[in-house]
């Protein structure tokens, strides 16, 4: 056991900077794909409670009878956990490598190029990780949701009700942070994978995903989507 753990750590340390960037790009790509699918699925709420609840139930039975009840969701959760762990590891390893390459701090550190998103990627990642925990407790396990268990449609409507405007404000802030993170991350990831796409492509991807996520809470807050 000890040897295996030691060998695993040696393998991780042996990954080159290019390899770490590839891990970060691929894991980030999987997370972007999930976010896009998740945002698109959320838009089912505009078709009414029956359509939205049916969609939620379909996800639980997807793959049956080959997969057990909620088998697809658990496979997805495990895959996302691995992708997030790989993404965080690659980001941390690249940061440590960069610091080791510059053991003596600058007397006057020059301004980092690349805009706000590039300068705050690590902090943005931390904020998003904390929000993900809150989001799971709120709309997955429902421990923080005022509706509790039951209809997913009712849980969303209760969560973003006008009286809970502060929840919508917090959600909006998190999505804005996500947008900055995605904009820079998609651009960097595509370049790492060998596709020097223009920044407009990354901006389009991040904007579409963010609009998809913000559409639901803002629609509930404004009364477009109601519990009726």
Foldseek 3Di string as FASTA:
>chain_A
DVVVVVVVVVVLVPQDLLRLLLLLLVLVVVVLVVLQVVLVLVVLPLVDLVSNQVSVQCCQCPPPPVADGNRNVVVVVVSNVVSLVSNVSSVVVNVVVVCVVPVDDDPDDDDDDDDDLVVCLVVLSVLLVVVVVVCCCCQPCNVPFPVGDDRSSVSLLRQLALVVVVSLVSQLVNLVSQLSNQLVSNCSSCVSVPHNDDSVVSNVSSVVSSCSSNVRSVCSNVVVRHPD
